[in-house]
Amino acid sequence: MASPKDSKNPVALLPPREFPSSGFEVIDPSQMVEEEQLPFYNHQDYYPMRIGEVIKDCYQVVAKLGYGTSSTLYWVIKVHVNTLKYNQELKVFQHLAGVTMEHSGRANIRQLKDSFQLKSCNGIHDVFVMTPLGMSLRTLQEMQKDSIFQQILVTRALDQVLIGVNFLHEADVIHTDLHSDNLLIAITNDSILAKVEDDEIRKPSARKQVNGNIIYVSRYMLGGAGPLIISDLGQARIGNKHAGNAMPIPYRAPEVILNMEWGDAVDIWSIGLLAWDLLERESLFRIYDSKSEEQNDAYHLATMTALLGPPPPEFLNRSEETSKYWDKDGRWNGPVPLPTEKTLQCLAKSLEGDDKDNFLSFVQCLLCWLPEERLTAGQAYYHPWLRGKNLSAGGD
């Protein structure tokens, strides 16, 4: 973890704490643990971090809080793999640091406190130091009854997401990876962090040792009662026009699937799906055939057609690939059947009456074939469903 004192602050640093060298569960070397279960895991790519290690003379590692394909998170220290030759997330953080406009949404974006590099025997690792955050919105959702939130919690969460995304878009950044795993709840009480540190001393984390490297089991941290923070900018893009693959498969916007040019409206599509996933039990788009990308694309687009209606000619003319799925008039002729039983109206089951109508209106304003017809983040913030107005009563 980072020392309580800022590395750039001349105030004396706290002395490092001693951590137990015994008393922990030793995991069998043959058992796959955490990052070892990732499909492309290579132990030589990861920095051999040790709990208790002091880094850069001012940070001490006190607990492991997670891992990923490109990094392992040790509390607020994110240590990237050494195969990351171009660190897009660092580039985005540096870009945002140069944005001088005042915007309330900046507070809903994760901030980079410090960055440096560590050298291991296998290469160079980029290291981020960031403010500690609590659990993800997805983790909190899994703790709810039926894994869905009450409407008031969803609208409050979306308010913060839209303000944060509005800042990113104003700053010329497209996130491309918005979902509940990347929305973290800020911590308002530092005692939570002190408890994690003390727990590591009182009951050390289970671990295994392979080829001289130690792999720790992450320490789960509850807590967080502050604002939502949009995190993980590793897939973000700078600029307003892009091409090529992007977004998690179930959240991909139609223009991405069909290899069209795309812009910040892909984030709006993601927010529409996020709203649905926070409130409804059944996701709109699932991975139907993980072994065949072409078949999965067909099922994905067929479901979009069933839910949204046929795409307009203007959309069809933007990519030659549309001819695989629709005729020139927008009629479906793809390689999989159209799921005619699916409609947004019948799938929305959590709300009733005006609440349901307003919610569906909100989703339909974000899930549009044409990106330019989707509401912007700023416009979506003022939608009647979020502002507590009744559409049928003339709200706008």
Protein backbone atom coordinates (compact mmCIF):
# COMPACT_ATOMS: atom_id res chain seq x y z
CA MET A 1 0.00 0.00 0.00
CA ALA A 2 1.06 3.61 -0.29
CA SER A 3 2.43 5.17 2.87
CA PRO A 4 0.03 7.59 4.59
CA LYS A 5 2.51 10.31 3.65
CA ASP A 6 2.72 11.61 0.09
CA SER A 7 5.99 10.62 -1.55
CA LYS A 8 6.43 14.25 -2.60
CA ASN A 9 5.75 15.54 0.90
CA PRO A 10 8.82 16.24 3.05
CA VAL A 11 7.01 15.06 6.19
CA ALA A 12 8.72 12.00 7.69
CA LEU A 13 7.34 8.68 6.49
CA LEU A 14 5.95 6.09 8.85
CA PRO A 15 8.30 3.17 9.56
CA PRO A 16 7.44 -0.03 7.64
CA ARG A 17 5.46 -2.67 9.49
CA GLU A 18 6.63 -6.21 10.04
CA PHE A 19 4.47 -8.92 8.46
CA PRO A 20 4.33 -12.58 9.56
CA SER A 21 6.54 -15.10 7.81
CA SER A 22 4.42 -18.01 9.03
CA GLY A 23 0.90 -18.79 10.19
CA PHE A 24 -0.70 -18.68 6.72
CA GLU A 25 -2.34 -21.38 4.64
CA VAL A 26 0.11 -22.90 2.15
CA ILE A 27 -1.68 -23.80 -1.08
CA ASP A 28 -0.66 -26.89 -3.02
CA PRO A 29 1.58 -25.83 -5.95
CA SER A 30 -0.60 -27.83 -8.37
CA GLN A 31 -3.70 -25.76 -7.54
CA MET A 32 -4.32 -22.82 -9.88
CA VAL A 33 -4.74 -19.57 -7.92
CA GLU A 34 -6.19 -16.24 -9.09
CA GLU A 35 -4.14 -14.85 -12.02
CA GLU A 36 -2.88 -18.38 -12.81
CA GLN A 37 -6.40 -19.17 -14.05
CA LEU A 38 -6.26 -16.49 -16.74
CA PRO A 39 -6.05 -18.03 -20.23
CA PHE A 40 -2.77 -16.35 -21.20
CA TYR A 41 -1.08 -16.34 -17.81
CA ASN A 42 2.71 -16.44 -17.73
CA HIS A 43 4.36 -16.04 -14.34
CA GLN A 44 7.35 -14.30 -15.91
CA ASP A 45 5.12 -11.41 -17.01
CA TYR A 46 4.14 -10.47 -13.44
CA TYR A 47 6.25 -8.60 -10.94
CA PRO A 48 7.21 -10.90 -8.02
CA MET A 49 5.67 -8.66 -5.37
CA ARG A 50 5.93 -9.62 -1.70
CA ILE A 51 3.66 -8.44 1.09
CA GLY A 52 5.75 -6.22 3.34
CA GLU A 53 7.98 -5.10 0.48
CA VAL A 54 8.94 -1.40 0.46
CA ILE A 55 8.92 0.25 -2.95
CA LYS A 56 10.61 3.47 -3.96
CA ASP A 57 11.45 4.06 -0.27
CA CYS A 58 7.96 5.41 0.41
CA TYR A 59 5.35 2.71 -0.36
CA GLN A 60 4.88 -0.52 1.54
CA VAL A 61 2.79 -3.39 0.18
CA VAL A 62 0.40 -4.58 2.90
CA ALA A 63 -2.27 -6.57 1.02
CA LYS A 64 -3.23 -7.86 -2.42
CA LEU A 65 -6.70 -6.73 -3.46
CA GLY A 66 -7.03 -8.18 -6.96
CA TYR A 67 -5.49 -9.11 -10.27
CA GLY A 68 -6.09 -8.85 -13.99
CA THR A 69 -4.76 -9.72 -17.42
CA SER A 70 -2.51 -6.67 -17.52
CA SER A 71 -1.84 -6.00 -13.85
CA THR A 72 -2.15 -7.09 -10.25
CA LEU A 73 -3.63 -4.70 -7.72
CA TYR A 74 -1.85 -4.47 -4.39
CA TRP A 75 -4.13 -2.15 -2.46
CA VAL A 76 -3.59 1.15 -4.25
CA ILE A 77 -0.50 0.03 -6.15
CA LYS A 78 -1.33 -1.37 -9.59
CA VAL A 79 1.66 -3.27 -11.00
CA HIS A 80 1.40 -3.99 -14.72
CA VAL A 81 2.81 -7.03 -16.51
CA ASN A 82 6.14 -6.50 -18.23
CA THR A 83 4.71 -7.39 -21.66
CA LEU A 84 2.72 -4.17 -21.75
CA LYS A 85 4.83 -2.29 -24.28
CA TYR A 86 2.39 0.59 -24.68
CA ASN A 87 0.47 1.69 -21.61
CA GLN A 88 -2.75 3.21 -22.94
CA GLU A 89 -4.13 3.83 -19.46
CA LEU A 90 -1.09 5.95 -18.53
CA LYS A 91 -1.50 7.93 -21.75
CA VAL A 92 -5.16 8.60 -20.89
CA PHE A 93 -4.32 9.62 -17.31
CA GLN A 94 -1.70 12.03 -18.63
CA HIS A 95 -4.18 13.44 -21.14
CA LEU A 96 -6.81 14.00 -18.43
CA ALA A 97 -4.24 15.61 -16.15
CA GLY A 98 -3.71 18.23 -18.85
CA VAL A 99 -7.42 19.05 -19.08
CA THR A 100 -7.89 22.34 -17.25
CA MET A 101 -11.65 22.81 -17.50
CA GLU A 102 -13.67 22.79 -14.31
CA HIS A 103 -16.21 19.97 -14.35
CA SER A 104 -17.97 18.22 -11.48
CA GLY A 105 -17.66 14.90 -13.32
CA ARG A 106 -13.90 14.81 -12.76
CA ALA A 107 -14.64 13.67 -9.19
CA ASN A 108 -16.30 10.54 -10.62
CA ILE A 109 -13.18 9.47 -12.55
CA ARG A 110 -10.37 7.55 -10.87
CA GLN A 111 -7.30 9.69 -10.33
CA LEU A 112 -3.64 8.73 -10.71
CA LYS A 113 -1.58 9.87 -7.73
CA ASP A 114 1.85 8.71 -8.86
CA SER A 115 3.46 6.47 -11.47
CA PHE A 116 6.89 4.93 -11.82
CA GLN A 117 8.58 1.74 -13.03
CA LEU A 118 9.89 -1.34 -11.26
CA LYS A 119 12.49 -3.67 -12.70
CA SER A 120 12.30 -7.43 -12.22
CA CYS A 121 14.58 -10.12 -13.58
CA ASN A 122 12.19 -10.53 -16.53
CA GLY A 123 11.56 -6.92 -17.52
CA ILE A 124 10.16 -3.49 -16.66
CA HIS A 125 6.78 -3.03 -14.96
CA ASP A 126 4.73 0.18 -14.97
CA VAL A 127 3.31 0.96 -11.52
CA PHE A 128 0.31 3.17 -10.72
CA VAL A 129 -0.43 4.57 -7.27
CA MET A 130 -4.10 5.48 -6.90
CA THR A 131 -6.59 6.41 -4.21
CA PRO A 132 -8.03 3.25 -2.63
CA LEU A 133 -11.64 2.44 -3.50
CA GLY A 134 -14.21 -0.01 -2.17
CA MET A 135 -16.18 -2.74 -3.88
CA SER A 136 -17.50 -2.62 -7.41
CA LEU A 137 -21.12 -1.93 -8.20
CA ARG A 138 -21.40 -5.49 -9.51
CA THR A 139 -20.21 -6.92 -6.20
CA LEU A 140 -22.76 -4.80 -4.37
CA GLN A 141 -25.45 -5.92 -6.82
CA GLU A 142 -24.69 -9.58 -6.17
CA MET A 143 -25.42 -8.94 -2.50
CA GLN A 144 -28.93 -7.65 -3.26
CA LYS A 145 -32.09 -9.73 -3.30
CA ASP A 146 -32.39 -11.39 -6.74
CA SER A 147 -29.19 -9.46 -7.70
CA ILE A 148 -31.11 -6.36 -8.75
CA PHE A 149 -31.23 -2.88 -7.24
CA GLN A 150 -34.20 -0.78 -6.28
CA GLN A 151 -35.07 1.90 -8.82
CA ILE A 152 -33.88 4.80 -6.65
CA LEU A 153 -30.41 3.26 -6.29
CA VAL A 154 -30.16 2.71 -10.05
CA THR A 155 -31.15 6.27 -10.92
CA ARG A 156 -28.67 7.70 -8.39
CA ALA A 157 -25.89 5.50 -9.76
CA LEU A 158 -26.66 6.49 -13.34
CA ASP A 159 -26.66 10.17 -12.40
CA GLN A 160 -23.04 9.82 -11.29
CA VAL A 161 -22.02 7.69 -14.27
CA LEU A 162 -23.49 10.20 -16.72
CA ILE A 163 -21.78 13.14 -15.03
CA GLY A 164 -18.46 11.29 -15.13
CA VAL A 165 -18.88 10.20 -18.75
CA ASN A 166 -19.91 13.74 -19.69
CA PHE A 167 -16.57 14.94 -18.32
CA LEU A 168 -14.67 12.25 -20.24
CA HIS A 169 -16.42 13.13 -23.49
CA GLU A 170 -15.87 16.85 -22.95
CA ALA A 171 -12.20 15.96 -22.38
CA ASP A 172 -12.16 14.05 -25.69
CA VAL A 173 -11.92 10.59 -24.06
CA ILE A 174 -14.10 7.55 -24.84
CA HIS A 175 -14.09 4.93 -22.08
CA THR A 176 -15.34 1.94 -24.23
CA ASP A 177 -15.49 -0.40 -21.20
CA LEU A 178 -18.38 0.83 -19.05
CA HIS A 179 -20.01 -1.86 -16.94
CA SER A 180 -20.67 -2.46 -13.26
CA ASP A 181 -17.30 -4.15 -12.62
CA ASN A 182 -15.55 -0.90 -13.54
CA LEU A 183 -17.71 1.29 -11.29
CA LEU A 184 -16.19 1.37 -7.81
CA ILE A 185 -17.62 2.86 -4.64
CA ALA A 186 -15.41 5.46 -2.96
CA ILE A 187 -14.31 4.91 0.62
CA THR A 188 -15.29 7.58 3.12
CA ASN A 189 -13.75 6.03 6.23
CA ASP A 190 -10.03 5.20 6.29
CA SER A 191 -10.58 2.76 9.15
CA ILE A 192 -11.55 0.21 6.50
CA LEU A 193 -8.03 0.40 5.08
CA ALA A 194 -6.44 0.13 8.51
CA LYS A 195 -8.50 -3.00 9.16
CA VAL A 196 -7.28 -4.65 5.95
CA GLU A 197 -3.68 -3.96 7.00
CA ASP A 198 -4.23 -5.25 10.53
CA ASP A 199 -6.05 -8.34 9.24
CA GLU A 200 -3.04 -9.20 7.07
CA ILE A 201 -0.88 -9.23 10.19
CA ARG A 202 -3.45 -11.01 12.37
CA LYS A 203 -4.34 -13.65 9.78
CA PRO A 204 -1.95 -13.63 6.82
CA SER A 205 -3.34 -14.32 3.34
CA ALA A 206 -3.15 -17.83 1.92
CA ARG A 207 -0.42 -18.22 -0.69
CA LYS A 208 1.53 -20.63 -2.85
CA GLN A 209 5.12 -20.63 -4.02
CA VAL A 210 6.16 -21.71 -7.50
CA ASN A 211 9.61 -21.27 -9.01
CA GLY A 212 10.54 -18.82 -6.29
CA ASN A 213 7.46 -16.63 -6.91
CA ILE A 214 4.72 -16.18 -4.33
CA ILE A 215 1.09 -15.93 -5.47
CA TYR A 216 -1.22 -14.54 -2.79
CA VAL A 217 -4.98 -14.93 -2.46
CA SER A 218 -6.59 -11.50 -2.72
CA ARG A 219 -8.03 -9.99 0.41
CA TYR A 220 -11.68 -9.07 -0.02
CA MET A 221 -12.49 -5.55 1.12
CA LEU A 222 -16.01 -4.44 1.91
CA GLY A 223 -16.86 -0.86 2.60
CA GLY A 224 -17.45 2.19 0.51
CA ALA A 225 -20.26 4.66 1.04
CA GLY A 226 -19.03 7.48 -1.16
CA PRO A 227 -19.64 8.40 -4.80
CA LEU A 228 -19.28 6.03 -7.75
CA ILE A 229 -15.89 6.22 -9.43
CA ILE A 230 -15.40 5.20 -13.06
CA SER A 231 -12.21 3.16 -13.16
CA ASP A 232 -10.08 1.07 -15.54
CA LEU A 233 -9.17 3.41 -18.37
CA GLY A 234 -6.94 0.82 -20.04
CA GLN A 235 -9.26 0.48 -23.04
CA ALA A 236 -10.11 4.18 -23.30
CA ARG A 237 -9.44 6.11 -26.51
CA ILE A 238 -8.43 9.73 -26.98
CA GLY A 239 -10.15 11.53 -29.85
CA ASN A 240 -13.67 11.49 -31.28
CA LYS A 241 -13.38 9.09 -34.23
CA HIS A 242 -12.04 5.54 -34.17
CA ALA A 243 -12.27 2.21 -35.97
CA GLY A 244 -11.65 -1.42 -35.12
CA ASN A 245 -12.64 -3.72 -32.30
CA ALA A 246 -13.58 -2.35 -28.88
CA MET A 247 -15.90 -2.93 -25.91
CA PRO A 248 -16.72 -6.16 -23.99
CA ILE A 249 -18.62 -8.55 -26.29
CA PRO A 250 -22.10 -8.32 -24.67
CA TYR A 251 -21.83 -4.51 -24.52
CA ARG A 252 -20.64 -3.88 -28.07
CA ALA A 253 -22.52 -1.23 -29.98
CA PRO A 254 -23.79 -2.23 -33.46
CA GLU A 255 -21.35 0.08 -35.24
CA VAL A 256 -18.45 -1.74 -33.54
CA ILE A 257 -19.76 -5.19 -34.47
CA LEU A 258 -20.13 -4.12 -38.10
CA ASN A 259 -16.69 -2.48 -38.36
CA MET A 260 -18.03 1.03 -38.88
CA GLU A 261 -16.30 4.16 -37.70
CA TRP A 262 -17.32 4.82 -34.10
CA GLY A 263 -17.14 7.60 -31.52
CA ASP A 264 -18.21 8.49 -27.99
CA ALA A 265 -21.78 7.28 -28.63
CA VAL A 266 -20.51 3.74 -27.91
CA ASP A 267 -20.33 4.76 -24.24
CA ILE A 268 -23.96 5.85 -24.39
CA TRP A 269 -24.92 2.41 -25.74
CA SER A 270 -23.05 0.85 -22.80
CA ILE A 271 -24.88 3.06 -20.31
CA GLY A 272 -28.21 1.93 -21.76
CA LEU A 273 -27.22 -1.70 -21.17
CA LEU A 274 -25.81 -0.83 -17.74
CA ALA A 275 -29.15 0.68 -16.73
CA TRP A 276 -30.92 -2.48 -17.86
CA ASP A 277 -28.49 -4.83 -16.08
CA LEU A 278 -28.78 -2.95 -12.78
CA LEU A 279 -32.58 -3.16 -12.79
CA GLU A 280 -33.48 -6.37 -14.63
CA ARG A 281 -32.58 -10.02 -14.02
CA GLU A 282 -32.11 -11.00 -17.66
CA SER A 283 -29.48 -9.21 -19.74
CA LEU A 284 -30.52 -8.07 -23.21
CA PHE A 285 -27.52 -9.49 -25.05
CA ARG A 286 -25.65 -12.62 -24.09
CA ILE A 287 -22.75 -14.51 -25.63
CA TYR A 288 -24.60 -17.15 -27.60
CA ASP A 289 -21.70 -18.99 -29.20
CA SER A 290 -18.32 -18.27 -27.66
CA LYS A 291 -16.57 -20.61 -30.14
CA SER A 292 -17.77 -18.83 -33.25
CA GLU A 293 -17.39 -15.07 -33.43
CA GLU A 294 -19.38 -14.92 -36.66
CA GLN A 295 -22.32 -16.86 -35.19
CA ASN A 296 -22.25 -14.78 -32.03
CA ASP A 297 -22.34 -11.57 -34.07
CA ALA A 298 -25.35 -12.90 -35.96
CA TYR A 299 -27.25 -13.77 -32.78
CA HIS A 300 -26.29 -10.44 -31.27
CA LEU A 301 -27.54 -8.43 -34.25
CA ALA A 302 -30.67 -10.59 -34.57
CA THR A 303 -31.59 -9.78 -30.96
CA MET A 304 -30.94 -6.08 -31.59
CA THR A 305 -33.29 -6.23 -34.57
CA ALA A 306 -36.00 -7.91 -32.51
CA LEU A 307 -35.69 -5.36 -29.70
CA LEU A 308 -35.10 -2.18 -31.67
CA GLY A 309 -36.77 -2.89 -35.00
CA PRO A 310 -34.98 -2.94 -38.37
CA PRO A 311 -32.01 -0.58 -38.84
CA PRO A 312 -32.65 2.47 -41.04
CA PRO A 313 -31.16 2.65 -44.57
CA GLU A 314 -28.69 5.31 -43.47
CA PHE A 315 -27.20 2.84 -40.99
CA LEU A 316 -27.15 -0.02 -43.49
CA ASN A 317 -25.20 2.08 -45.99
CA ARG A 318 -22.32 2.64 -43.57
CA SER A 319 -20.83 -0.84 -43.90
CA GLU A 320 -20.76 -3.56 -46.55
CA GLU A 321 -21.04 -6.11 -43.75
CA THR A 322 -24.68 -5.18 -43.13
CA SER A 323 -25.63 -7.15 -46.27
CA LYS A 324 -24.80 -10.36 -44.35
CA TYR A 325 -27.73 -9.69 -42.04
CA TRP A 326 -30.34 -7.45 -43.69
CA ASP A 327 -31.61 -6.80 -47.20
CA LYS A 328 -31.57 -3.26 -48.58
CA ASP A 329 -34.94 -2.54 -46.97
CA GLY A 330 -33.76 -3.59 -43.52
CA ARG A 331 -35.50 -6.99 -43.46
CA TRP A 332 -33.56 -9.62 -41.54
CA ASN A 333 -31.94 -12.32 -43.69
CA GLY A 334 -29.08 -13.32 -41.39
CA PRO A 335 -27.77 -16.87 -40.79
CA VAL A 336 -29.72 -17.31 -37.54
CA PRO A 337 -33.45 -16.93 -36.87
CA LEU A 338 -34.89 -13.68 -35.58
CA PRO A 339 -36.07 -14.07 -31.94
CA THR A 340 -39.52 -12.61 -32.60
CA GLU A 341 -40.72 -13.30 -29.05
CA LYS A 342 -38.31 -10.75 -27.59
CA THR A 343 -39.43 -7.18 -26.98
CA LEU A 344 -38.21 -4.60 -24.48
CA GLN A 345 -41.75 -4.31 -23.14
CA CYS A 346 -42.06 -7.98 -22.23
CA LEU A 347 -38.51 -8.32 -20.89
CA ALA A 348 -38.82 -5.34 -18.50
CA LYS A 349 -40.33 -6.94 -15.40
CA SER A 350 -38.98 -5.00 -12.42
CA LEU A 351 -41.13 -1.88 -12.78
CA GLU A 352 -44.78 -1.20 -13.54
CA GLY A 353 -46.95 1.63 -14.82
CA ASP A 354 -45.37 5.03 -15.39
CA ASP A 355 -42.07 3.92 -13.86
CA LYS A 356 -41.78 1.16 -16.46
CA ASP A 357 -42.77 3.47 -19.33
CA ASN A 358 -40.23 6.09 -18.28
CA PHE A 359 -37.50 3.48 -17.85
CA LEU A 360 -38.14 2.00 -21.30
CA SER A 361 -38.12 5.50 -22.79
CA PHE A 362 -34.72 6.13 -21.18
CA VAL A 363 -33.26 2.87 -22.52
CA GLN A 364 -34.69 3.45 -26.00
CA CYS A 365 -33.12 6.92 -26.11
CA LEU A 366 -29.69 5.31 -25.60
CA LEU A 367 -30.03 2.10 -27.61
CA CYS A 368 -30.46 3.55 -31.10
CA TRP A 369 -29.06 2.12 -34.33
CA LEU A 370 -27.74 5.49 -35.44
CA PRO A 371 -25.11 6.75 -32.95
CA GLU A 372 -26.04 10.37 -33.61
CA GLU A 373 -29.62 9.69 -32.49
CA ARG A 374 -28.54 8.54 -29.03
CA LEU A 375 -28.75 11.11 -26.28
CA THR A 376 -25.46 12.58 -25.15
CA ALA A 377 -24.42 11.97 -21.54
CA GLY A 378 -25.50 15.51 -20.65
CA GLN A 379 -28.89 15.09 -22.32
CA ALA A 380 -29.48 11.66 -20.75
CA TYR A 381 -28.88 13.14 -17.29
CA TYR A 382 -32.02 15.25 -17.72
CA HIS A 383 -34.24 12.43 -18.94
CA PRO A 384 -37.59 12.38 -17.05
CA TRP A 385 -36.93 8.91 -15.63
CA LEU A 386 -33.80 10.14 -13.84
CA ARG A 387 -35.28 13.45 -12.81
CA GLY A 388 -38.49 11.97 -11.40
CA LYS A 389 -40.82 13.41 -13.99
CA ASN A 390 -43.76 11.64 -15.58
CA LEU A 391 -43.68 11.42 -19.37
CA SER A 392 -47.40 10.84 -19.60
CA ALA A 393 -47.96 14.05 -17.66
CA GLY A 394 -46.00 16.07 -20.19
CA GLY A 395 -42.52 15.96 -18.61
CA ASP A 396 -39.55 16.48 -20.92
